[in-house]
Amino acid sequence: MISGREGPCRIKLLHSCKGFDFGCSGFELLPDGAFVATTCIKYTDGPEKNSVVSTRFNIEQANAMLPGK
C-alpha cells in the first residue's frame, strides 16, 4: 500500500504449504533498487518444519510478469 491505497497488482513470491501467513515477514529496499522479502513458511508438504526464506527481485522482473507484457 502507498498512502493507504493498494497498487495496480499483487505479487505472490512464495507458496506456503501450511495454508496461512505466519505474519513474521520483512521487506527491504536495497541501495541498488532491488527488493528482498523474508518470511517464515512451510514450503514443502510432509514432515518438514517451517523455514525462514528470502527472495530478491527488482521492479523490472515484477513488471515483466504483468498480463500483456
Foldseek 3Di string as FASTA:
>chain_A
DPPPDDDPDDDDDADAPVPDAPPPKDWDQDPVQKIKIWGWGHRDDDDDDIDIDIDIDHVVVVVVPDPPD
